Amino acid sequence: MWGQLIRQGRTERKWTAKELAARANVSEQTVLAAEAGSRGAAVGTMMELADLVGVPIFGIEDRAELAIRRQRGEEMLALLPSRVRRPKSRSVDDDF
């Protein structure tokens, strides 16, 4: 579905796949694969293509709103511990 939206956005801008590829600094084959829904397309590439053709990322069209949500996410991450440690495994005495 995301690939279809990218293709739609590219077509609305009257860009060829080659033009979009040049703007995204990827190959034309990468653009075509992304539009076809290839599972091999990197998420970062998909996001870059979507942004270039105006497809809202995370369903948010307003860049200011996207920046606000990013800031909130960073604030929430700041509240979490910087490292996650596995609890030490304790041997279970199951000898009845």
PDB file of N, CA and C in Angstrom:
ATOM      1  N   MET A   1       0.819  -1.193   0.000  1.00  0.00           N
ATOM      2  CA  MET A   1       0.000   0.000   0.000  1.00  0.00           C
ATOM      3  C   MET A   1       0.866   1.262   0.000  1.00  0.00           C
ATOM      4  N   TRP A   2       1.932   1.254   0.789  1.00  0.00           N
ATOM      5  CA  TRP A   2       2.810   2.422   0.851  1.00  0.00           C
ATOM      6  C   TRP A   2       3.439   2.667  -0.512  1.00  0.00           C
ATOM      7  N   GLY A   3       3.828   1.595  -1.182  1.00  0.00           N
ATOM      8  CA  GLY A   3       4.404   1.713  -2.514  1.00  0.00           C
ATOM      9  C   GLY A   3       3.424   2.328  -3.498  1.00  0.00           C
ATOM     10  N   GLN A   4       2.161   1.955  -3.375  1.00  0.00           N
ATOM     11  CA  GLN A   4       1.127   2.522  -4.248  1.00  0.00           C
ATOM     12  C   GLN A   4       0.985   4.020  -4.009  1.00  0.00           C
ATOM     13  N   LEU A   5       1.043   4.428  -2.759  1.00  0.00           N
ATOM     14  CA  LEU A   5       0.941   5.854  -2.439  1.00  0.00           C
ATOM     15  C   LEU A   5       2.141   6.630  -2.979  1.00  0.00           C
ATOM     16  N   ILE A   6       3.308   6.009  -2.921  1.00  0.00           N
ATOM     17  CA  ILE A   6       4.510   6.650  -3.464  1.00  0.00           C
ATOM     18  C   ILE A   6       4.367   6.812  -4.972  1.00  0.00           C
ATOM     19  N   ARG A   7       3.903   5.768  -5.632  1.00  0.00           N
ATOM     20  CA  ARG A   7       3.719   5.858  -7.088  1.00  0.00           C
ATOM     21  C   ARG A   7       2.677   6.914  -7.438  1.00  0.00           C
ATOM     22  N   GLN A   8       1.598   6.954  -6.683  1.00  0.00           N
ATOM     23  CA  GLN A   8       0.558   7.955  -6.926  1.00  0.00           C
ATOM     24  C   GLN A   8       1.123   9.364  -6.768  1.00  0.00           C
ATOM     25  N   GLY A   9       1.884   9.589  -5.707  1.00  0.00           N
ATOM     26  CA  GLY A   9       2.489  10.900  -5.480  1.00  0.00           C
ATOM     27  C   GLY A   9       3.465  11.272  -6.575  1.00  0.00           C
ATOM     28  N   ARG A  10       4.244  10.297  -7.016  1.00  0.00           N
ATOM     29  CA  ARG A  10       5.203  10.545  -8.102  1.00  0.00           C
ATOM     30  C   ARG A  10       4.476  10.892  -9.390  1.00  0.00           C
ATOM     31  N   THR A  11       3.418  10.167  -9.682  1.00  0.00           N
ATOM     32  CA  THR A  11       2.644  10.404 -10.903  1.00  0.00           C
ATOM     33  C   THR A  11       1.966  11.766 -10.864  1.00  0.00           C
ATOM     34  N   GLU A  12       1.430  12.142  -9.704  1.00  0.00           N
ATOM     35  CA  GLU A  12       0.792  13.453  -9.568  1.00  0.00           C
ATOM     36  C   GLU A  12       1.782  14.587  -9.809  1.00  0.00           C
ATOM     37  N   ARG A  13       3.036  14.361  -9.469  1.00  0.00           N
ATOM     38  CA  ARG A  13       4.073  15.376  -9.692  1.00  0.00           C
ATOM     39  C   ARG A  13       4.659  15.304 -11.101  1.00  0.00           C
ATOM     40  N   LYS A  14       4.180  14.310 -11.855  1.00  0.00           N
ATOM     41  CA  LYS A  14       4.648  14.085 -13.226  1.00  0.00           C
ATOM     42  C   LYS A  14       6.155  13.814 -13.271  1.00  0.00           C
ATOM     43  N   TRP A  15       6.623  13.042 -12.289  1.00  0.00           N
ATOM     44  CA  TRP A  15       8.019  12.639 -12.246  1.00  0.00           C
ATOM     45  C   TRP A  15       8.131  11.220 -12.769  1.00  0.00           C
ATOM     46  N   THR A  16       9.192  10.938 -13.476  1.00  0.00           N
ATOM     47  CA  THR A  16       9.480   9.561 -13.852  1.00  0.00           C
ATOM     48  C   THR A  16      10.142   8.877 -12.655  1.00  0.00           C
ATOM     49  N   ALA A  17      10.192   7.556 -12.720  1.00  0.00           N
ATOM     50  CA  ALA A  17      10.875   6.818 -11.653  1.00  0.00           C
ATOM     51  C   ALA A  17      12.346   7.221 -11.604  1.00  0.00           C
ATOM     52  N   LYS A  18      12.908   7.507 -12.766  1.00  0.00           N
ATOM     53  CA  LYS A  18      14.315   7.920 -12.833  1.00  0.00           C
ATOM     54  C   LYS A  18      14.522   9.267 -12.143  1.00  0.00           C
ATOM     55  N   GLU A  19      13.572  10.203 -12.318  1.00  0.00           N
ATOM     56  CA  GLU A  19      13.673  11.516 -11.669  1.00  0.00           C
ATOM     57  C   GLU A  19      13.573  11.388 -10.150  1.00  0.00           C
ATOM     58  N   LEU A  20      12.629  10.579  -9.687  1.00  0.00           N
ATOM     59  CA  LEU A  20      12.490  10.374  -8.244  1.00  0.00           C
ATOM     60  C   LEU A  20      13.741   9.700  -7.686  1.00  0.00           C
ATOM     61  N   ALA A  21      14.271   8.747  -8.426  1.00  0.00           N
ATOM     62  CA  ALA A  21      15.488   8.059  -7.990  1.00  0.00           C
ATOM     63  C   ALA A  21      16.639   9.047  -7.823  1.00  0.00           C
ATOM     64  N   ALA A  22      16.767   9.969  -8.759  1.00  0.00           N
ATOM     65  CA  ALA A  22      17.836  10.970  -8.678  1.00  0.00           C
ATOM     66  C   ALA A  22      17.653  11.863  -7.458  1.00  0.00           C
ATOM     67  N   ARG A  23      16.413  12.244  -7.169  1.00  0.00           N
ATOM     68  CA  ARG A  23      16.143  13.097  -6.010  1.00  0.00           C
ATOM     69  C   ARG A  23      16.421  12.367  -4.693  1.00  0.00           C
ATOM     70  N   ALA A  24      16.162  11.059  -4.685  1.00  0.00           N
ATOM     71  CA  ALA A  24      16.356  10.265  -3.466  1.00  0.00           C
ATOM     72  C   ALA A  24      17.760   9.665  -3.383  1.00  0.00           C
ATOM     73  N   ASN A  25      18.537   9.855  -4.435  1.00  0.00           N
ATOM     74  CA  ASN A  25      19.895   9.306  -4.498  1.00  0.00           C
ATOM     75  C   ASN A  25      19.900   7.783  -4.393  1.00  0.00           C
ATOM     76  N   VAL A  26      18.954   7.161  -5.108  1.00  0.00           N
ATOM     77  CA  VAL A  26      18.881   5.705  -5.200  1.00  0.00           C
ATOM     78  C   VAL A  26      18.753   5.340  -6.672  1.00  0.00           C
ATOM     79  N   SER A  27      18.773   4.066  -6.974  1.00  0.00           N
ATOM     80  CA  SER A  27      18.636   3.642  -8.364  1.00  0.00           C
ATOM     81  C   SER A  27      17.165   3.639  -8.779  1.00  0.00           C
ATOM     82  N   GLU A  28      16.949   3.697 -10.081  1.00  0.00           N
ATOM     83  CA  GLU A  28      15.585   3.621 -10.613  1.00  0.00           C
ATOM     84  C   GLU A  28      14.955   2.284 -10.227  1.00  0.00           C
ATOM     85  N   GLN A  29      15.755   1.218 -10.234  1.00  0.00           N
ATOM     86  CA  GLN A  29      15.249  -0.106  -9.857  1.00  0.00           C
ATOM     87  C   GLN A  29      14.761  -0.115  -8.407  1.00  0.00           C
ATOM     88  N   THR A  30      15.437   0.625  -7.547  1.00  0.00           N
ATOM     89  CA  THR A  30      15.020   0.710  -6.144  1.00  0.00           C
ATOM     90  C   THR A  30      13.660   1.377  -6.036  1.00  0.00           C
ATOM     91  N   VAL A  31      13.452   2.448  -6.801  1.00  0.00           N
ATOM     92  CA  VAL A  31      12.157   3.140  -6.795  1.00  0.00           C
ATOM     93  C   VAL A  31      11.067   2.200  -7.293  1.00  0.00           C
ATOM     94  N   LEU A  32      11.324   1.524  -8.395  1.00  0.00           N
ATOM     95  CA  LEU A  32      10.321   0.617  -8.959  1.00  0.00           C
ATOM     96  C   LEU A  32      10.018  -0.538  -8.006  1.00  0.00           C
ATOM     97  N   ALA A  33      11.045  -1.053  -7.348  1.00  0.00           N
ATOM     98  CA  ALA A  33      10.835  -2.132  -6.379  1.00  0.00           C
ATOM     99  C   ALA A  33      10.014  -1.638  -5.191  1.00  0.00           C
ATOM    100  N   ALA A  34      10.310  -0.430  -4.719  1.00  0.00           N
ATOM    101  CA  ALA A  34       9.560   0.144  -3.596  1.00  0.00           C
ATOM    102  C   ALA A  34       8.099   0.330  -3.971  1.00  0.00           C
ATOM    103  N   GLU A  35       7.860   0.838  -5.175  1.00  0.00           N
ATOM    104  CA  GLU A  35       6.482   1.045  -5.625  1.00  0.00           C
ATOM    105  C   GLU A  35       5.739  -0.273  -5.804  1.00  0.00           C
ATOM    106  N   ALA A  36       6.475  -1.325  -6.130  1.00  0.00           N
ATOM    107  CA  ALA A  36       5.858  -2.639  -6.312  1.00  0.00           C
ATOM    108  C   ALA A  36       5.624  -3.348  -4.982  1.00  0.00           C
ATOM    109  N   GLY A  37       6.103  -2.745  -3.902  1.00  0.00           N
ATOM    110  CA  GLY A  37       5.892  -3.337  -2.583  1.00  0.00           C
ATOM    111  C   GLY A  37       6.910  -4.396  -2.219  1.00  0.00           C
ATOM    112  N   SER A  38       8.080  -4.319  -2.809  1.00  0.00           N
ATOM    113  CA  SER A  38       9.136  -5.290  -2.523  1.00  0.00           C
ATOM    114  C   SER A  38       9.502  -5.260  -1.049  1.00  0.00           C
ATOM    115  N   ARG A  39       9.613  -6.427  -0.461  1.00  0.00           N
ATOM    116  CA  ARG A  39       9.986  -6.512   0.954  1.00  0.00           C
ATOM    117  C   ARG A  39      11.453  -6.171   1.166  1.00  0.00           C
ATOM    118  N   GLY A  40      12.222  -6.134   0.093  1.00  0.00           N
ATOM    119  CA  GLY A  40      13.641  -5.838   0.202  1.00  0.00           C
ATOM    120  C   GLY A  40      13.951  -4.357   0.306  1.00  0.00           C
ATOM    121  N   ALA A  41      12.947  -3.511   0.099  1.00  0.00           N
ATOM    122  CA  ALA A  41      13.177  -2.062   0.161  1.00  0.00           C
ATOM    123  C   ALA A  41      13.396  -1.644   1.615  1.00  0.00           C
ATOM    124  N   ALA A  42      14.461  -0.901   1.851  1.00  0.00           N
ATOM    125  CA  ALA A  42      14.786  -0.451   3.208  1.00  0.00           C
ATOM    126  C   ALA A  42      13.744   0.554   3.696  1.00  0.00           C
ATOM    127  N   VAL A  43      13.445   0.508   4.964  1.00  0.00           N
ATOM    128  CA  VAL A  43      12.452   1.410   5.550  1.00  0.00           C
ATOM    129  C   VAL A  43      12.866   2.865   5.358  1.00  0.00           C
ATOM    130  N   GLY A  44      14.141   3.149   5.550  1.00  0.00           N
ATOM    131  CA  GLY A  44      14.624   4.518   5.373  1.00  0.00           C
ATOM    132  C   GLY A  44      14.419   5.014   3.954  1.00  0.00           C
ATOM    133  N   THR A  45      14.639   4.137   2.987  1.00  0.00           N
ATOM    134  CA  THR A  45      14.420   4.495   1.585  1.00  0.00           C
ATOM    135  C   THR A  45      12.947   4.766   1.337  1.00  0.00           C
ATOM    136  N   MET A  46      12.089   3.914   1.871  1.00  0.00           N
ATOM    137  CA  MET A  46      10.645   4.106   1.704  1.00  0.00           C
ATOM    138  C   MET A  46      10.213   5.440   2.309  1.00  0.00           C
ATOM    139  N   MET A  47      10.747   5.763   3.469  1.00  0.00           N
ATOM    140  CA  MET A  47      10.385   7.023   4.116  1.00  0.00           C
ATOM    141  C   MET A  47      10.868   8.213   3.296  1.00  0.00           C
ATOM    142  N   GLU A  48      12.070   8.115   2.756  1.00  0.00           N
ATOM    143  CA  GLU A  48      12.613   9.196   1.928  1.00  0.00           C
ATOM    144  C   GLU A  48      11.760   9.392   0.677  1.00  0.00           C
ATOM    145  N   LEU A  49      11.412   8.297   0.006  1.00  0.00           N
ATOM    146  CA  LEU A  49      10.581   8.389  -1.197  1.00  0.00           C
ATOM    147  C   LEU A  49       9.214   8.981  -0.859  1.00  0.00           C
ATOM    148  N   ALA A  50       8.622   8.506   0.227  1.00  0.00           N
ATOM    149  CA  ALA A  50       7.311   9.010   0.639  1.00  0.00           C
ATOM    150  C   ALA A  50       7.366  10.502   0.926  1.00  0.00           C
ATOM    151  N   ASP A  51       8.402  10.933   1.613  1.00  0.00           N
ATOM    152  CA  ASP A  51       8.547  12.349   1.936  1.00  0.00           C
ATOM    153  C   ASP A  51       8.707  13.186   0.667  1.00  0.00           C
ATOM    154  N   LEU A  52       9.497  12.707  -0.269  1.00  0.00           N
ATOM    155  CA  LEU A  52       9.735  13.460  -1.503  1.00  0.00           C
ATOM    156  C   LEU A  52       8.470  13.666  -2.332  1.00  0.00           C
ATOM    157  N   VAL A  53       7.583  12.671  -2.320  1.00  0.00           N
ATOM    158  CA  VAL A  53       6.369  12.789  -3.140  1.00  0.00           C
ATOM    159  C   VAL A  53       5.163  13.272  -2.344  1.00  0.00           C
ATOM    160  N   GLY A  54       5.371  13.599  -1.064  1.00  0.00           N
ATOM    161  CA  GLY A  54       4.294  14.190  -0.274  1.00  0.00           C
ATOM    162  C   GLY A  54       3.358  13.216   0.400  1.00  0.00           C
ATOM    163  N   VAL A  55       3.774  11.965   0.544  1.00  0.00           N
ATOM    164  CA  VAL A  55       2.947  10.996   1.263  1.00  0.00           C
ATOM    165  C   VAL A  55       3.168  11.227   2.751  1.00  0.00           C
ATOM    166  N   PRO A  56       2.099  11.479   3.508  1.00  0.00           N
ATOM    167  CA  PRO A  56       2.263  11.738   4.939  1.00  0.00           C
ATOM    168  C   PRO A  56       2.860  10.526   5.654  1.00  0.00           C
ATOM    169  N   ILE A  57       3.906  10.765   6.397  1.00  0.00           N
ATOM    170  CA  ILE A  57       4.543   9.699   7.161  1.00  0.00           C
ATOM    171  C   ILE A  57       3.876   9.644   8.529  1.00  0.00           C
ATOM    172  N   PHE A  58       3.523   8.469   8.966  1.00  0.00           N
ATOM    173  CA  PHE A  58       2.811   8.242  10.224  1.00  0.00           C
ATOM    174  C   PHE A  58       1.436   8.905  10.213  1.00  0.00           C
ATOM    175  N   GLY A  59       0.886   9.150   9.026  1.00  0.00           N
ATOM    176  CA  GLY A  59      -0.440   9.744   8.919  1.00  0.00           C
ATOM    177  C   GLY A  59      -0.497  11.203   9.317  1.00  0.00           C
ATOM    178  N   ILE A  60       0.650  11.855   9.395  1.00  0.00           N
ATOM    179  CA  ILE A  60       0.708  13.256   9.812  1.00  0.00           C
ATOM    180  C   ILE A  60       1.196  14.081   8.630  1.00  0.00           C
ATOM    181  N   GLU A  61       0.351  14.976   8.154  1.00  0.00           N
ATOM    182  CA  GLU A  61       0.720  15.794   7.001  1.00  0.00           C
ATOM    183  C   GLU A  61       1.480  17.054   7.397  1.00  0.00           C
ATOM    184  N   ASP A  62       1.188  17.593   8.554  1.00  0.00           N
ATOM    185  CA  ASP A  62       1.797  18.845   9.001  1.00  0.00           C
ATOM    186  C   ASP A  62       3.177  18.573   9.596  1.00  0.00           C
ATOM    187  N   ARG A  63       4.205  19.161   9.007  1.00  0.00           N
ATOM    188  CA  ARG A  63       5.573  18.944   9.491  1.00  0.00           C
ATOM    189  C   ARG A  63       5.760  19.462  10.918  1.00  0.00           C
ATOM    190  N   ALA A  64       5.063  20.521  11.276  1.00  0.00           N
ATOM    191  CA  ALA A  64       5.170  21.049  12.640  1.00  0.00           C
ATOM    192  C   ALA A  64       4.628  20.027  13.639  1.00  0.00           C
ATOM    193  N   GLU A  65       3.518  19.393  13.297  1.00  0.00           N
ATOM    194  CA  GLU A  65       2.940  18.364  14.166  1.00  0.00           C
ATOM    195  C   GLU A  65       3.887  17.173  14.279  1.00  0.00           C
ATOM    196  N   LEU A  66       4.512  16.815  13.190  1.00  0.00           N
ATOM    197  CA  LEU A  66       5.480  15.720  13.207  1.00  0.00           C
ATOM    198  C   LEU A  66       6.650  16.058  14.133  1.00  0.00           C
ATOM    199  N   ALA A  67       7.116  17.293  14.093  1.00  0.00           N
ATOM    200  CA  ALA A  67       8.213  17.735  14.962  1.00  0.00           C
ATOM    201  C   ALA A  67       7.792  17.695  16.430  1.00  0.00           C
ATOM    202  N   ILE A  68       6.552  18.095  16.711  1.00  0.00           N
ATOM    203  CA  ILE A  68       6.041  18.071  18.087  1.00  0.00           C
ATOM    204  C   ILE A  68       5.998  16.639  18.605  1.00  0.00           C
ATOM    205  N   ARG A  69       5.491  15.730  17.773  1.00  0.00           N
ATOM    206  CA  ARG A  69       5.407  14.331  18.201  1.00  0.00           C
ATOM    207  C   ARG A  69       6.787  13.718  18.394  1.00  0.00           C
ATOM    208  N   ARG A  70       7.718  14.111  17.552  1.00  0.00           N
ATOM    209  CA  ARG A  70       9.087  13.615  17.710  1.00  0.00           C
ATOM    210  C   ARG A  70       9.662  14.092  19.038  1.00  0.00           C
ATOM    211  N   GLN A  71       9.433  15.357  19.365  1.00  0.00           N
ATOM    212  CA  GLN A  71       9.921  15.912  20.631  1.00  0.00           C
ATOM    213  C   GLN A  71       9.305  15.171  21.816  1.00  0.00           C
ATOM    214  N   ARG A  72       8.011  14.887  21.741  1.00  0.00           N
ATOM    215  CA  ARG A  72       7.349  14.139  22.821  1.00  0.00           C
ATOM    216  C   ARG A  72       7.972  12.758  22.977  1.00  0.00           C
ATOM    217  N   GLY A  73       8.247  12.118  21.843  1.00  0.00           N
ATOM    218  CA  GLY A  73       8.879  10.802  21.882  1.00  0.00           C
ATOM    219  C   GLY A  73      10.242  10.851  22.542  1.00  0.00           C
ATOM    220  N   GLU A  74      11.017  11.878  22.218  1.00  0.00           N
ATOM    221  CA  GLU A  74      12.338  12.033  22.827  1.00  0.00           C
ATOM    222  C   GLU A  74      12.223  12.282  24.324  1.00  0.00           C
ATOM    223  N   GLU A  75      11.216  13.056  24.730  1.00  0.00           N
ATOM    224  CA  GLU A  75      11.005  13.313  26.157  1.00  0.00           C
ATOM    225  C   GLU A  75      10.643  12.027  26.891  1.00  0.00           C
ATOM    226  N   MET A  76       9.818  11.194  26.260  1.00  0.00           N
ATOM    227  CA  MET A  76       9.442   9.927  26.886  1.00  0.00           C
ATOM    228  C   MET A  76      10.644   8.994  26.981  1.00  0.00           C
ATOM    229  N   LEU A  77      11.469   8.969  25.936  1.00  0.00           N
ATOM    230  CA  LEU A  77      12.663   8.127  25.969  1.00  0.00           C
ATOM    231  C   LEU A  77      13.638   8.580  27.046  1.00  0.00           C
ATOM    232  N   ALA A  78      13.679   9.879  27.312  1.00  0.00           N
ATOM    233  CA  ALA A  78      14.575  10.409  28.339  1.00  0.00           C
ATOM    234  C   ALA A  78      14.183   9.906  29.729  1.00  0.00           C
ATOM    235  N   LEU A  79      12.927   9.537  29.910  1.00  0.00           N
ATOM    236  CA  LEU A  79      12.465   9.042  31.204  1.00  0.00           C
ATOM    237  C   LEU A  79      12.828   7.578  31.432  1.00  0.00           C
ATOM    238  N   LEU A  80      13.143   6.881  30.368  1.00  0.00           N
ATOM    239  CA  LEU A  80      13.463   5.462  30.473  1.00  0.00           C
ATOM    240  C   LEU A  80      14.946   5.280  30.776  1.00  0.00           C
ATOM    241  N   PRO A  81      15.292   4.139  31.355  1.00  0.00           N
ATOM    242  CA  PRO A  81      16.715   3.902  31.620  1.00  0.00           C
ATOM    243  C   PRO A  81      17.502   3.850  30.312  1.00  0.00           C
ATOM    244  N   SER A  82      18.748   4.286  30.369  1.00  0.00           N
ATOM    245  CA  SER A  82      19.559   4.313  29.155  1.00  0.00           C
ATOM    246  C   SER A  82      20.024   2.920  28.751  1.00  0.00           C
ATOM    247  N   ARG A  83      20.061   2.010  29.707  1.00  0.00           N
ATOM    248  CA  ARG A  83      20.467   0.637  29.414  1.00  0.00           C
ATOM    249  C   ARG A  83      19.430  -0.322  29.953  1.00  0.00           C
ATOM    250  N   VAL A  84      19.304  -1.424  29.277  1.00  0.00           N
ATOM    251  CA  VAL A  84      18.408  -2.478  29.735  1.00  0.00           C
ATOM    252  C   VAL A  84      19.276  -3.682  30.066  1.00  0.00           C
ATOM    253  N   ARG A  85      19.110  -4.181  31.259  1.00  0.00           N
ATOM    254  CA  ARG A  85      19.899  -5.336  31.693  1.00  0.00           C
ATOM    255  C   ARG A  85      18.976  -6.514  31.928  1.00  0.00           C
ATOM    256  N   ARG A  86      19.463  -7.640  31.545  1.00  0.00           N
ATOM    257  CA  ARG A  86      18.709  -8.862  31.817  1.00  0.00           C
ATOM    258  C   ARG A  86      18.886  -9.216  33.291  1.00  0.00           C
ATOM    259  N   PRO A  87      17.813  -9.656  33.911  1.00  0.00           N
ATOM    260  CA  PRO A  87      17.974 -10.077  35.304  1.00  0.00           C
ATOM    261  C   PRO A  87      18.874 -11.317  35.361  1.00  0.00           C
ATOM    262  N   LYS A  88      19.639 -11.411  36.426  1.00  0.00           N
ATOM    263  CA  LYS A  88      20.498 -12.580  36.584  1.00  0.00           C
ATOM    264  C   LYS A  88      19.616 -13.812  36.706  1.00  0.00           C
ATOM    265  N   SER A  89      19.993 -14.819  35.952  1.00  0.00           N
ATOM    266  CA  SER A  89      19.186 -16.034  36.015  1.00  0.00           C
ATOM    267  C   SER A  89      19.471 -16.752  37.330  1.00  0.00           C
ATOM    268  N   ARG A  90      18.411 -17.119  37.955  1.00  0.00           N
ATOM    269  CA  ARG A  90      18.527 -17.843  39.216  1.00  0.00           C
ATOM    270  C   ARG A  90      18.214 -19.296  38.939  1.00  0.00           C
ATOM    271  N   SER A  91      18.976 -20.165  39.544  1.00  0.00           N
ATOM    272  CA  SER A  91      18.687 -21.583  39.346  1.00  0.00           C
ATOM    273  C   SER A  91      17.431 -21.930  40.144  1.00  0.00           C
ATOM    274  N   VAL A  92      16.617 -22.704  39.536  1.00  0.00           N
ATOM    275  CA  VAL A  92      15.363 -23.105  40.157  1.00  0.00           C
ATOM    276  C   VAL A  92      15.563 -24.469  40.798  1.00  0.00           C
ATOM    277  N   ASP A  93      15.237 -24.541  42.069  1.00  0.00           N
ATOM    278  CA  ASP A  93      15.340 -25.817  42.772  1.00  0.00           C
ATOM    279  C   ASP A  93      14.012 -26.541  42.622  1.00  0.00           C
ATOM    280  N   ASP A  94      13.972 -27.440  41.657  1.00  0.00           N
ATOM    281  CA  ASP A  94      12.721 -28.160  41.426  1.00  0.00           C
ATOM    282  C   ASP A  94      12.849 -29.632  41.830  1.00  0.00           C
ATOM    283  N   ASP A  95      13.757 -29.914  42.749  1.00  0.00           N
ATOM    284  CA  ASP A  95      13.931 -31.275  43.244  1.00  0.00           C
ATOM    285  C   ASP A  95      12.988 -31.473  44.428  1.00  0.00           C
ATOM    286  N   PHE A  96      11.921 -32.171  44.197  1.00  0.00           N
ATOM    287  CA  PHE A  96      10.933 -32.366  45.259  1.00  0.00           C
ATOM    288  C   PHE A  96      11.246 -33.585  46.025  1.00  0.00           C
TER     289      PHE A  96
END
